[in-house]
Amino acid sequence: MSSEFSHDEMALLIERAAETGDLAELRRPADAGSRDAADQLVESAAEQEDFGELRRLAAAGNQDAADILAELEDETGA
């Protein structure tokens, strides 16, 4: 995770972004290695049925995203 923010500051940023469902704000810390942000990003992308974001995460090796993507595609036929 980037040293740009302290652990507490990063946790607060992640929490706020998760509350608003702002995928862009979650993507930065997730891509920097924050597992909490990655988890929240997957959850928010699933709630918003953002197949593009879920595909991006799955392609990067996120198994949770791959599993949720498969479930959503089965449900929606996407």
PDB file of N, CA and C in Angstrom:
ATOM      1  N   MET A   1       0.845  -1.169   0.000  1.00  0.00           N
ATOM      2  CA  MET A   1       0.000   0.000   0.000  1.00  0.00           C
ATOM      3  C   MET A   1       0.891   1.232   0.000  1.00  0.00           C
ATOM      4  N   SER A   2       0.467   2.268  -0.646  1.00  0.00           N
ATOM      5  CA  SER A   2       1.224   3.493  -0.766  1.00  0.00           C
ATOM      6  C   SER A   2       1.412   4.145   0.597  1.00  0.00           C
ATOM      7  N   SER A   3       2.568   4.791   0.772  1.00  0.00           N
ATOM      8  CA  SER A   3       2.825   5.500   2.023  1.00  0.00           C
ATOM      9  C   SER A   3       2.263   6.914   1.967  1.00  0.00           C
ATOM     10  N   GLU A   4       1.503   7.224   0.919  1.00  0.00           N
ATOM     11  CA  GLU A   4       0.905   8.535   0.751  1.00  0.00           C
ATOM     12  C   GLU A   4      -0.036   8.862   1.911  1.00  0.00           C
ATOM     13  N   PHE A   5      -0.700   7.855   2.460  1.00  0.00           N
ATOM     14  CA  PHE A   5      -1.631   8.024   3.567  1.00  0.00           C
ATOM     15  C   PHE A   5      -1.258   7.079   4.690  1.00  0.00           C
ATOM     16  N   SER A   6      -1.574   7.498   5.922  1.00  0.00           N
ATOM     17  CA  SER A   6      -1.394   6.594   7.050  1.00  0.00           C
ATOM     18  C   SER A   6      -2.455   5.502   6.960  1.00  0.00           C
ATOM     19  N   HIS A   7      -2.260   4.449   7.729  1.00  0.00           N
ATOM     20  CA  HIS A   7      -3.228   3.346   7.737  1.00  0.00           C
ATOM     21  C   HIS A   7      -4.619   3.857   8.115  1.00  0.00           C
ATOM     22  N   ASP A   8      -4.699   4.712   9.133  1.00  0.00           N
ATOM     23  CA  ASP A   8      -5.995   5.239   9.575  1.00  0.00           C
ATOM     24  C   ASP A   8      -6.638   6.126   8.512  1.00  0.00           C
ATOM     25  N   GLU A   9      -5.821   6.958   7.855  1.00  0.00           N
ATOM     26  CA  GLU A   9      -6.352   7.811   6.797  1.00  0.00           C
ATOM     27  C   GLU A   9      -6.874   6.970   5.631  1.00  0.00           C
ATOM     28  N   MET A  10      -6.121   5.931   5.283  1.00  0.00           N
ATOM     29  CA  MET A  10      -6.540   5.059   4.189  1.00  0.00           C
ATOM     30  C   MET A  10      -7.839   4.350   4.549  1.00  0.00           C
ATOM     31  N   ALA A  11      -7.952   3.881   5.788  1.00  0.00           N
ATOM     32  CA  ALA A  11      -9.172   3.201   6.226  1.00  0.00           C
ATOM     33  C   ALA A  11     -10.371   4.139   6.127  1.00  0.00           C
ATOM     34  N   LEU A  12     -10.185   5.395   6.496  1.00  0.00           N
ATOM     35  CA  LEU A  12     -11.271   6.372   6.420  1.00  0.00           C
ATOM     36  C   LEU A  12     -11.653   6.649   4.967  1.00  0.00           C
ATOM     37  N   LEU A  13     -10.662   6.798   4.094  1.00  0.00           N
ATOM     38  CA  LEU A  13     -10.942   7.010   2.673  1.00  0.00           C
ATOM     39  C   LEU A  13     -11.708   5.837   2.077  1.00  0.00           C
ATOM     40  N   ILE A  14     -11.296   4.632   2.426  1.00  0.00           N
ATOM     41  CA  ILE A  14     -11.964   3.430   1.922  1.00  0.00           C
ATOM     42  C   ILE A  14     -13.399   3.373   2.422  1.00  0.00           C
ATOM     43  N   GLU A  15     -13.587   3.668   3.702  1.00  0.00           N
ATOM     44  CA  GLU A  15     -14.930   3.638   4.283  1.00  0.00           C
ATOM     45  C   GLU A  15     -15.851   4.639   3.591  1.00  0.00           C
ATOM     46  N   ARG A  16     -15.358   5.855   3.381  1.00  0.00           N
ATOM     47  CA  ARG A  16     -16.177   6.883   2.724  1.00  0.00           C
ATOM     48  C   ARG A  16     -16.511   6.493   1.289  1.00  0.00           C
ATOM     49  N   ALA A  17     -15.519   5.988   0.570  1.00  0.00           N
ATOM     50  CA  ALA A  17     -15.751   5.581  -0.821  1.00  0.00           C
ATOM     51  C   ALA A  17     -16.729   4.418  -0.886  1.00  0.00           C
ATOM     52  N   ALA A  18     -16.633   3.499   0.060  1.00  0.00           N
ATOM     53  CA  ALA A  18     -17.545   2.354   0.090  1.00  0.00           C
ATOM     54  C   ALA A  18     -18.973   2.814   0.364  1.00  0.00           C
ATOM     55  N   GLU A  19     -19.130   3.785   1.250  1.00  0.00           N
ATOM     56  CA  GLU A  19     -20.463   4.293   1.575  1.00  0.00           C
ATOM     57  C   GLU A  19     -21.126   4.941   0.367  1.00  0.00           C
ATOM     58  N   THR A  20     -20.333   5.623  -0.448  1.00  0.00           N
ATOM     59  CA  THR A  20     -20.885   6.316  -1.612  1.00  0.00           C
ATOM     60  C   THR A  20     -20.920   5.430  -2.849  1.00  0.00           C
ATOM     61  N   GLY A  21     -20.229   4.298  -2.795  1.00  0.00           N
ATOM     62  CA  GLY A  21     -20.170   3.410  -3.954  1.00  0.00           C
ATOM     63  C   GLY A  21     -19.289   3.947  -5.063  1.00  0.00           C
ATOM     64  N   ASP A  22     -18.354   4.836  -4.713  1.00  0.00           N
ATOM     65  CA  ASP A  22     -17.471   5.469  -5.693  1.00  0.00           C
ATOM     66  C   ASP A  22     -16.351   4.508  -6.086  1.00  0.00           C
ATOM     67  N   LEU A  23     -16.527   3.840  -7.215  1.00  0.00           N
ATOM     68  CA  LEU A  23     -15.557   2.837  -7.648  1.00  0.00           C
ATOM     69  C   LEU A  23     -14.191   3.450  -7.933  1.00  0.00           C
ATOM     70  N   ALA A  24     -14.164   4.646  -8.494  1.00  0.00           N
ATOM     71  CA  ALA A  24     -12.882   5.281  -8.818  1.00  0.00           C
ATOM     72  C   ALA A  24     -12.063   5.539  -7.558  1.00  0.00           C
ATOM     73  N   GLU A  25     -12.728   5.948  -6.494  1.00  0.00           N
ATOM     74  CA  GLU A  25     -12.018   6.216  -5.241  1.00  0.00           C
ATOM     75  C   GLU A  25     -11.538   4.930  -4.580  1.00  0.00           C
ATOM     76  N   LEU A  26     -12.227   3.848  -4.794  1.00  0.00           N
ATOM     77  CA  LEU A  26     -11.802   2.557  -4.251  1.00  0.00           C
ATOM     78  C   LEU A  26     -10.704   1.924  -5.104  1.00  0.00           C
ATOM     79  N   ARG A  27     -10.730   2.210  -6.392  1.00  0.00           N
ATOM     80  CA  ARG A  27      -9.785   1.580  -7.317  1.00  0.00           C
ATOM     81  C   ARG A  27      -8.339   1.938  -6.985  1.00  0.00           C
ATOM     82  N   ARG A  28      -8.081   3.193  -6.665  1.00  0.00           N
ATOM     83  CA  ARG A  28      -6.699   3.626  -6.410  1.00  0.00           C
ATOM     84  C   ARG A  28      -6.054   2.857  -5.264  1.00  0.00           C
ATOM     85  N   PRO A  29      -6.653   2.826  -4.072  1.00  0.00           N
ATOM     86  CA  PRO A  29      -6.011   2.052  -2.999  1.00  0.00           C
ATOM     87  C   PRO A  29      -6.033   0.548  -3.262  1.00  0.00           C
ATOM     88  N   ALA A  30      -7.055   0.069  -3.950  1.00  0.00           N
ATOM     89  CA  ALA A  30      -7.105  -1.365  -4.273  1.00  0.00           C
ATOM     90  C   ALA A  30      -5.958  -1.731  -5.197  1.00  0.00           C
ATOM     91  N   ASP A  31      -5.731  -0.912  -6.214  1.00  0.00           N
ATOM     92  CA  ASP A  31      -4.640  -1.171  -7.149  1.00  0.00           C
ATOM     93  C   ASP A  31      -3.275  -1.003  -6.491  1.00  0.00           C
ATOM     94  N   ALA A  32      -3.233  -0.235  -5.397  1.00  0.00           N
ATOM     95  CA  ALA A  32      -1.980  -0.047  -4.662  1.00  0.00           C
ATOM     96  C   ALA A  32      -1.723  -1.178  -3.671  1.00  0.00           C
ATOM     97  N   GLY A  33      -2.663  -2.129  -3.582  1.00  0.00           N
ATOM     98  CA  GLY A  33      -2.437  -3.298  -2.744  1.00  0.00           C
ATOM     99  C   GLY A  33      -3.271  -3.396  -1.485  1.00  0.00           C
ATOM    100  N   SER A  34      -4.202  -2.475  -1.278  1.00  0.00           N
ATOM    101  CA  SER A  34      -5.046  -2.538  -0.083  1.00  0.00           C
ATOM    102  C   SER A  34      -6.101  -3.625  -0.250  1.00  0.00           C
ATOM    103  N   ARG A  35      -6.009  -4.659   0.560  1.00  0.00           N
ATOM    104  CA  ARG A  35      -6.981  -5.759   0.500  1.00  0.00           C
ATOM    105  C   ARG A  35      -8.379  -5.268   0.893  1.00  0.00           C
ATOM    106  N   ASP A  36      -8.444  -4.378   1.897  1.00  0.00           N
ATOM    107  CA  ASP A  36      -9.745  -3.835   2.309  1.00  0.00           C
ATOM    108  C   ASP A  36     -10.410  -3.085   1.157  1.00  0.00           C
ATOM    109  N   ALA A  37      -9.627  -2.270   0.464  1.00  0.00           N
ATOM    110  CA  ALA A  37     -10.174  -1.519  -0.666  1.00  0.00           C
ATOM    111  C   ALA A  37     -10.596  -2.461  -1.782  1.00  0.00           C
ATOM    112  N   ALA A  38      -9.801  -3.485  -2.030  1.00  0.00           N
ATOM    113  CA  ALA A  38     -10.148  -4.461  -3.073  1.00  0.00           C
ATOM    114  C   ALA A  38     -11.458  -5.165  -2.733  1.00  0.00           C
ATOM    115  N   ASP A  39     -11.609  -5.555  -1.480  1.00  0.00           N
ATOM    116  CA  ASP A  39     -12.852  -6.206  -1.054  1.00  0.00           C
ATOM    117  C   ASP A  39     -14.048  -5.278  -1.240  1.00  0.00           C
ATOM    118  N   GLN A  40     -13.885  -4.023  -0.835  1.00  0.00           N
ATOM    119  CA  GLN A  40     -14.969  -3.049  -0.979  1.00  0.00           C
ATOM    120  C   GLN A  40     -15.262  -2.762  -2.446  1.00  0.00           C
ATOM    121  N   LEU A  41     -14.199  -2.729  -3.264  1.00  0.00           N
ATOM    122  CA  LEU A  41     -14.376  -2.482  -4.690  1.00  0.00           C
ATOM    123  C   LEU A  41     -15.178  -3.604  -5.336  1.00  0.00           C
ATOM    124  N   VAL A  42     -14.847  -4.833  -5.002  1.00  0.00           N
ATOM    125  CA  VAL A  42     -15.591  -5.979  -5.534  1.00  0.00           C
ATOM    126  C   VAL A  42     -17.051  -5.894  -5.095  1.00  0.00           C
ATOM    127  N   GLU A  43     -17.268  -5.623  -3.823  1.00  0.00           N
ATOM    128  CA  GLU A  43     -18.637  -5.544  -3.298  1.00  0.00           C
ATOM    129  C   GLU A  43     -19.435  -4.430  -3.977  1.00  0.00           C
ATOM    130  N   SER A  44     -18.827  -3.255  -4.107  1.00  0.00           N
ATOM    131  CA  SER A  44     -19.523  -2.129  -4.736  1.00  0.00           C
ATOM    132  C   SER A  44     -19.778  -2.388  -6.216  1.00  0.00           C
ATOM    133  N   ALA A  45     -18.798  -2.952  -6.904  1.00  0.00           N
ATOM    134  CA  ALA A  45     -18.974  -3.262  -8.331  1.00  0.00           C
ATOM    135  C   ALA A  45     -20.091  -4.285  -8.519  1.00  0.00           C
ATOM    136  N   ALA A  46     -20.172  -5.256  -7.623  1.00  0.00           N
ATOM    137  CA  ALA A  46     -21.234  -6.260  -7.702  1.00  0.00           C
ATOM    138  C   ALA A  46     -22.599  -5.622  -7.466  1.00  0.00           C
ATOM    139  N   GLU A  47     -22.690  -4.759  -6.458  1.00  0.00           N
ATOM    140  CA  GLU A  47     -23.958  -4.095  -6.164  1.00  0.00           C
ATOM    141  C   GLU A  47     -24.423  -3.250  -7.342  1.00  0.00           C
ATOM    142  N   GLN A  48     -23.474  -2.628  -8.038  1.00  0.00           N
ATOM    143  CA  GLN A  48     -23.797  -1.770  -9.177  1.00  0.00           C
ATOM    144  C   GLN A  48     -23.869  -2.555 -10.488  1.00  0.00           C
ATOM    145  N   GLU A  49     -23.633  -3.863 -10.391  1.00  0.00           N
ATOM    146  CA  GLU A  49     -23.584  -4.731 -11.573  1.00  0.00           C
ATOM    147  C   GLU A  49     -22.668  -4.139 -12.642  1.00  0.00           C
ATOM    148  N   ASP A  50     -21.491  -3.691 -12.195  1.00  0.00           N
ATOM    149  CA  ASP A  50     -20.484  -3.124 -13.091  1.00  0.00           C
ATOM    150  C   ASP A  50     -19.619  -4.268 -13.613  1.00  0.00           C
ATOM    151  N   PHE A  51     -20.069  -4.860 -14.713  1.00  0.00           N
ATOM    152  CA  PHE A  51     -19.385  -6.026 -15.271  1.00  0.00           C
ATOM    153  C   PHE A  51     -17.968  -5.685 -15.725  1.00  0.00           C
ATOM    154  N   GLY A  52     -17.774  -4.479 -16.238  1.00  0.00           N
ATOM    155  CA  GLY A  52     -16.442  -4.069 -16.681  1.00  0.00           C
ATOM    156  C   GLY A  52     -15.441  -4.063 -15.544  1.00  0.00           C
ATOM    157  N   GLU A  53     -15.844  -3.502 -14.417  1.00  0.00           N
ATOM    158  CA  GLU A  53     -14.945  -3.456 -13.257  1.00  0.00           C
ATOM    159  C   GLU A  53     -14.697  -4.859 -12.719  1.00  0.00           C
ATOM    160  N   LEU A  54     -15.733  -5.656 -12.649  1.00  0.00           N
ATOM    161  CA  LEU A  54     -15.560  -7.029 -12.170  1.00  0.00           C
ATOM    162  C   LEU A  54     -14.648  -7.825 -13.101  1.00  0.00           C
ATOM    163  N   ARG A  55     -14.791  -7.611 -14.403  1.00  0.00           N
ATOM    164  CA  ARG A  55     -13.909  -8.302 -15.359  1.00  0.00           C
ATOM    165  C   ARG A  55     -12.461  -7.860 -15.181  1.00  0.00           C
ATOM    166  N   ARG A  56     -12.258  -6.560 -14.981  1.00  0.00           N
ATOM    167  CA  ARG A  56     -10.907  -6.025 -14.772  1.00  0.00           C
ATOM    168  C   ARG A  56     -10.275  -6.654 -13.536  1.00  0.00           C
ATOM    169  N   LEU A  57     -11.036  -6.722 -12.464  1.00  0.00           N
ATOM    170  CA  LEU A  57     -10.531  -7.306 -11.222  1.00  0.00           C
ATOM    171  C   LEU A  57     -10.268  -8.799 -11.381  1.00  0.00           C
ATOM    172  N   ALA A  58     -11.179  -9.487 -12.042  1.00  0.00           N
ATOM    173  CA  ALA A  58     -11.001 -10.925 -12.264  1.00  0.00           C
ATOM    174  C   ALA A  58      -9.762 -11.189 -13.115  1.00  0.00           C
ATOM    175  N   ALA A  59      -9.554 -10.372 -14.140  1.00  0.00           N
ATOM    176  CA  ALA A  59      -8.384 -10.531 -15.009  1.00  0.00           C
ATOM    177  C   ALA A  59      -7.086 -10.283 -14.245  1.00  0.00           C
ATOM    178  N   ALA A  60      -7.171  -9.457 -13.198  1.00  0.00           N
ATOM    179  CA  ALA A  60      -5.999  -9.173 -12.367  1.00  0.00           C
ATOM    180  C   ALA A  60      -5.786 -10.244 -11.306  1.00  0.00           C
ATOM    181  N   GLY A  61      -6.651 -11.263 -11.296  1.00  0.00           N
ATOM    182  CA  GLY A  61      -6.467 -12.377 -10.377  1.00  0.00           C
ATOM    183  C   GLY A  61      -7.337 -12.370  -9.139  1.00  0.00           C
ATOM    184  N   ASN A  62      -8.315 -11.473  -9.076  1.00  0.00           N
ATOM    185  CA  ASN A  62      -9.191 -11.425  -7.910  1.00  0.00           C
ATOM    186  C   ASN A  62     -10.266 -12.504  -8.052  1.00  0.00           C
ATOM    187  N   GLN A  63     -10.134 -13.561  -7.272  1.00  0.00           N
ATOM    188  CA  GLN A  63     -11.050 -14.700  -7.376  1.00  0.00           C
ATOM    189  C   GLN A  63     -12.463 -14.343  -6.931  1.00  0.00           C
ATOM    190  N   ASP A  64     -12.592 -13.477  -5.926  1.00  0.00           N
ATOM    191  CA  ASP A  64     -13.926 -13.054  -5.493  1.00  0.00           C
ATOM    192  C   ASP A  64     -14.665 -12.381  -6.644  1.00  0.00           C
ATOM    193  N   ALA A  65     -13.967 -11.512  -7.362  1.00  0.00           N
ATOM    194  CA  ALA A  65     -14.585 -10.828  -8.498  1.00  0.00           C
ATOM    195  C   ALA A  65     -14.977 -11.830  -9.574  1.00  0.00           C
ATOM    196  N   ALA A  66     -14.119 -12.796  -9.835  1.00  0.00           N
ATOM    197  CA  ALA A  66     -14.415 -13.816 -10.849  1.00  0.00           C
ATOM    198  C   ALA A  66     -15.655 -14.616 -10.469  1.00  0.00           C
ATOM    199  N   ASP A  67     -15.755 -14.991  -9.202  1.00  0.00           N
ATOM    200  CA  ASP A  67     -16.909 -15.766  -8.736  1.00  0.00           C
ATOM    201  C   ASP A  67     -18.202 -14.960  -8.840  1.00  0.00           C
ATOM    202  N   ILE A  68     -18.157 -13.716  -8.391  1.00  0.00           N
ATOM    203  CA  ILE A  68     -19.348 -12.864  -8.433  1.00  0.00           C
ATOM    204  C   ILE A  68     -19.735 -12.579  -9.879  1.00  0.00           C
ATOM    205  N   LEU A  69     -18.745 -12.333 -10.726  1.00  0.00           N
ATOM    206  CA  LEU A  69     -19.012 -12.084 -12.140  1.00  0.00           C
ATOM    207  C   LEU A  69     -19.730 -13.271 -12.770  1.00  0.00           C
ATOM    208  N   ALA A  70     -19.268 -14.463 -12.475  1.00  0.00           N
ATOM    209  CA  ALA A  70     -19.905 -15.669 -13.019  1.00  0.00           C
ATOM    210  C   ALA A  70     -21.353 -15.775 -12.543  1.00  0.00           C
ATOM    211  N   GLU A  71     -21.587 -15.490 -11.263  1.00  0.00           N
ATOM    212  CA  GLU A  71     -22.949 -15.541 -10.724  1.00  0.00           C
ATOM    213  C   GLU A  71     -23.849 -14.506 -11.391  1.00  0.00           C
ATOM    214  N   LEU A  72     -23.348 -13.271 -11.513  1.00  0.00           N
ATOM    215  CA  LEU A  72     -24.152 -12.209 -12.122  1.00  0.00           C
ATOM    216  C   LEU A  72     -24.432 -12.493 -13.588  1.00  0.00           C
ATOM    217  N   GLU A  73     -23.443 -13.018 -14.287  1.00  0.00           N
ATOM    218  CA  GLU A  73     -23.653 -13.335 -15.698  1.00  0.00           C
ATOM    219  C   GLU A  73     -24.690 -14.440 -15.855  1.00  0.00           C
ATOM    220  N   ASP A  74     -24.680 -15.408 -14.931  1.00  0.00           N
ATOM    221  CA  ASP A  74     -25.695 -16.467 -14.962  1.00  0.00           C
ATOM    222  C   ASP A  74     -27.089 -15.894 -14.727  1.00  0.00           C
ATOM    223  N   GLU A  75     -27.189 -14.965 -13.762  1.00  0.00           N
ATOM    224  CA  GLU A  75     -28.482 -14.380 -13.406  1.00  0.00           C
ATOM    225  C   GLU A  75     -29.026 -13.470 -14.499  1.00  0.00           C
ATOM    226  N   THR A  76     -28.139 -12.697 -15.114  1.00  0.00           N
ATOM    227  CA  THR A  76     -28.590 -11.683 -16.069  1.00  0.00           C
ATOM    228  C   THR A  76     -28.451 -12.109 -17.520  1.00  0.00           C
ATOM    229  N   GLY A  77     -27.691 -13.164 -17.758  1.00  0.00           N
ATOM    230  CA  GLY A  77     -27.449 -13.595 -19.128  1.00  0.00           C
ATOM    231  C   GLY A  77     -26.501 -12.675 -19.868  1.00  0.00           C
ATOM    232  N   ALA A  78     -25.745 -11.858 -19.117  1.00  0.00           N
ATOM    233  CA  ALA A  78     -24.808 -10.902 -19.741  1.00  0.00           C
ATOM    234  C   ALA A  78     -23.579 -11.599 -20.266  1.00  0.00           C
TER     235      ALA A  78
END
